[in-house]
Amino acid sequence: MNAPLLSVVNSVGPLPKPDSAEPIVCFTNIGPQQQRKRMTFGLFAFAIAIGFAALLFLLDANVWWRVLLFLPFAGAGIGYFQARDKT
């Protein structure tokens, strides 16, 4: 069962050693349109997170409500870094 996967991995060739001077080639897997979509999502999520953060601080909300800000900030970070790294 592992033989087909193993043959695909072995067909790529040996990986360069960490101390070698050979450059590592990286391929992008999204095009410019998907990059724009992910960057737009990241910026939109960041704006939403900043808005909610300001609202929660102005309302002096409980700290546990502020913990929920992790979700939009994480979404913003994921969108931004995926667009920047073209993954």
C-alpha atoms as a PDB file:
ATOM      1  CA  MET A   1       0.000   0.000   0.000  1.00  0.00           C
ATOM      2  CA  ASN A   2       2.895   2.383   0.675  1.00  0.00           C
ATOM      3  CA  ALA A   3       4.782   1.389  -2.475  1.00  0.00           C
ATOM      4  CA  PRO A   4       3.090   3.871  -4.890  1.00  0.00           C
ATOM      5  CA  LEU A   5       3.585   6.776  -2.498  1.00  0.00           C
ATOM      6  CA  LEU A   6       7.165   5.739  -1.859  1.00  0.00           C
ATOM      7  CA  SER A   7       7.911   5.505  -5.568  1.00  0.00           C
ATOM      8  CA  VAL A   8       6.525   9.018  -6.146  1.00  0.00           C
ATOM      9  CA  VAL A   9       8.605  10.447  -3.320  1.00  0.00           C
ATOM     10  CA  ASN A  10      11.733   8.660  -4.517  1.00  0.00           C
ATOM     11  CA  SER A  11      11.220   9.801  -8.111  1.00  0.00           C
ATOM     12  CA  VAL A  12      11.708  13.431  -7.059  1.00  0.00           C
ATOM     13  CA  GLY A  13      15.320  12.748  -6.191  1.00  0.00           C
ATOM     14  CA  PRO A  14      17.415  13.342  -3.139  1.00  0.00           C
ATOM     15  CA  LEU A  15      16.821  16.468  -1.114  1.00  0.00           C
ATOM     16  CA  PRO A  16      19.735  18.898  -0.803  1.00  0.00           C
ATOM     17  CA  LYS A  17      21.659  18.808   2.448  1.00  0.00           C
ATOM     18  CA  PRO A  18      21.063  21.820   4.734  1.00  0.00           C
ATOM     19  CA  ASP A  19      24.689  22.915   4.451  1.00  0.00           C
ATOM     20  CA  SER A  20      24.849  22.617   0.652  1.00  0.00           C
ATOM     21  CA  ALA A  21      25.026  25.677  -1.560  1.00  0.00           C
ATOM     22  CA  GLU A  22      22.398  24.329  -3.972  1.00  0.00           C
ATOM     23  CA  PRO A  23      19.344  26.599  -4.189  1.00  0.00           C
ATOM     24  CA  ILE A  24      16.004  25.095  -3.251  1.00  0.00           C
ATOM     25  CA  VAL A  25      13.396  25.645  -5.948  1.00  0.00           C
ATOM     26  CA  CYS A  26       9.904  26.567  -4.762  1.00  0.00           C
ATOM     27  CA  PHE A  27       6.851  26.536  -7.002  1.00  0.00           C
ATOM     28  CA  THR A  28       3.786  28.660  -6.490  1.00  0.00           C
ATOM     29  CA  ASN A  29       0.459  26.908  -6.516  1.00  0.00           C
ATOM     30  CA  ILE A  30      -1.870  29.914  -6.900  1.00  0.00           C
ATOM     31  CA  GLY A  31      -2.133  32.517  -9.599  1.00  0.00           C
ATOM     32  CA  PRO A  32      -2.369  36.301  -9.364  1.00  0.00           C
ATOM     33  CA  GLN A  33      -6.165  36.266  -9.060  1.00  0.00           C
ATOM     34  CA  GLN A  34      -6.091  33.922  -6.049  1.00  0.00           C
ATOM     35  CA  GLN A  35      -3.305  35.996  -4.513  1.00  0.00           C
ATOM     36  CA  ARG A  36      -5.489  39.107  -4.773  1.00  0.00           C
ATOM     37  CA  LYS A  37      -8.459  37.252  -3.277  1.00  0.00           C
ATOM     38  CA  ARG A  38      -6.411  36.038  -0.324  1.00  0.00           C
ATOM     39  CA  MET A  39      -4.816  39.431   0.244  1.00  0.00           C
ATOM     40  CA  THR A  40      -8.249  41.080   0.096  1.00  0.00           C
ATOM     41  CA  PHE A  41      -9.590  38.551   2.597  1.00  0.00           C
ATOM     42  CA  GLY A  42      -6.602  39.154   4.875  1.00  0.00           C
ATOM     43  CA  LEU A  43      -7.003  42.923   4.802  1.00  0.00           C
ATOM     44  CA  PHE A  44     -10.784  42.697   5.267  1.00  0.00           C
ATOM     45  CA  ALA A  45     -10.401  40.316   8.234  1.00  0.00           C
ATOM     46  CA  PHE A  46      -7.771  42.627   9.739  1.00  0.00           C
ATOM     47  CA  ALA A  47     -10.085  45.637   9.410  1.00  0.00           C
ATOM     48  CA  ILE A  48     -12.942  43.690  11.008  1.00  0.00           C
ATOM     49  CA  ALA A  49     -10.662  42.552  13.842  1.00  0.00           C
ATOM     50  CA  ILE A  50      -9.461  46.116  14.496  1.00  0.00           C
ATOM     51  CA  GLY A  51     -13.073  47.324  14.522  1.00  0.00           C
ATOM     52  CA  PHE A  52     -14.165  44.634  16.969  1.00  0.00           C
ATOM     53  CA  ALA A  53     -11.106  45.279  19.140  1.00  0.00           C
ATOM     54  CA  ALA A  54     -11.911  48.979  19.336  1.00  0.00           C
ATOM     55  CA  LEU A  55     -15.542  48.234  20.132  1.00  0.00           C
ATOM     56  CA  LEU A  56     -14.665  45.746  22.870  1.00  0.00           C
ATOM     57  CA  PHE A  57     -12.156  48.109  24.443  1.00  0.00           C
ATOM     58  CA  LEU A  58     -14.577  51.039  24.316  1.00  0.00           C
ATOM     59  CA  LEU A  59     -17.303  48.954  25.914  1.00  0.00           C
ATOM     60  CA  ASP A  60     -14.822  47.660  28.506  1.00  0.00           C
ATOM     61  CA  ALA A  61     -15.851  44.113  27.655  1.00  0.00           C
ATOM     62  CA  ASN A  62     -14.749  41.130  29.693  1.00  0.00           C
ATOM     63  CA  VAL A  63     -11.301  39.822  28.778  1.00  0.00           C
ATOM     64  CA  TRP A  64     -12.791  36.514  27.622  1.00  0.00           C
ATOM     65  CA  TRP A  65     -14.725  38.324  24.897  1.00  0.00           C
ATOM     66  CA  ARG A  66     -11.466  39.918  23.789  1.00  0.00           C
ATOM     67  CA  VAL A  67      -9.874  36.476  23.461  1.00  0.00           C
ATOM     68  CA  LEU A  68     -12.289  35.828  20.607  1.00  0.00           C
ATOM     69  CA  LEU A  69     -10.391  38.478  18.625  1.00  0.00           C
ATOM     70  CA  PHE A  70      -7.845  35.757  17.950  1.00  0.00           C
ATOM     71  CA  LEU A  71     -10.121  34.315  15.250  1.00  0.00           C
ATOM     72  CA  PRO A  72     -10.344  37.339  12.929  1.00  0.00           C
ATOM     73  CA  PHE A  73      -6.684  38.221  13.544  1.00  0.00           C
ATOM     74  CA  ALA A  74      -5.680  34.634  12.717  1.00  0.00           C
ATOM     75  CA  GLY A  75      -7.786  34.745   9.546  1.00  0.00           C
ATOM     76  CA  ALA A  76      -6.139  38.011   8.568  1.00  0.00           C
ATOM     77  CA  GLY A  77      -2.686  36.572   9.120  1.00  0.00           C
ATOM     78  CA  ILE A  78      -3.436  33.410   7.181  1.00  0.00           C
ATOM     79  CA  GLY A  79      -4.831  35.347   4.223  1.00  0.00           C
ATOM     80  CA  TYR A  80      -1.916  37.765   4.181  1.00  0.00           C
ATOM     81  CA  PHE A  81       0.821  35.146   4.469  1.00  0.00           C
ATOM     82  CA  GLN A  82      -0.777  32.849   1.892  1.00  0.00           C
ATOM     83  CA  ALA A  83      -0.938  35.726  -0.588  1.00  0.00           C
ATOM     84  CA  ARG A  84       2.600  36.856   0.167  1.00  0.00           C
ATOM     85  CA  ASP A  85       4.091  33.352  -0.084  1.00  0.00           C
ATOM     86  CA  LYS A  86       1.883  32.401  -3.091  1.00  0.00           C
ATOM     87  CA  THR A  87       0.663  29.198  -1.449  1.00  0.00           C
END
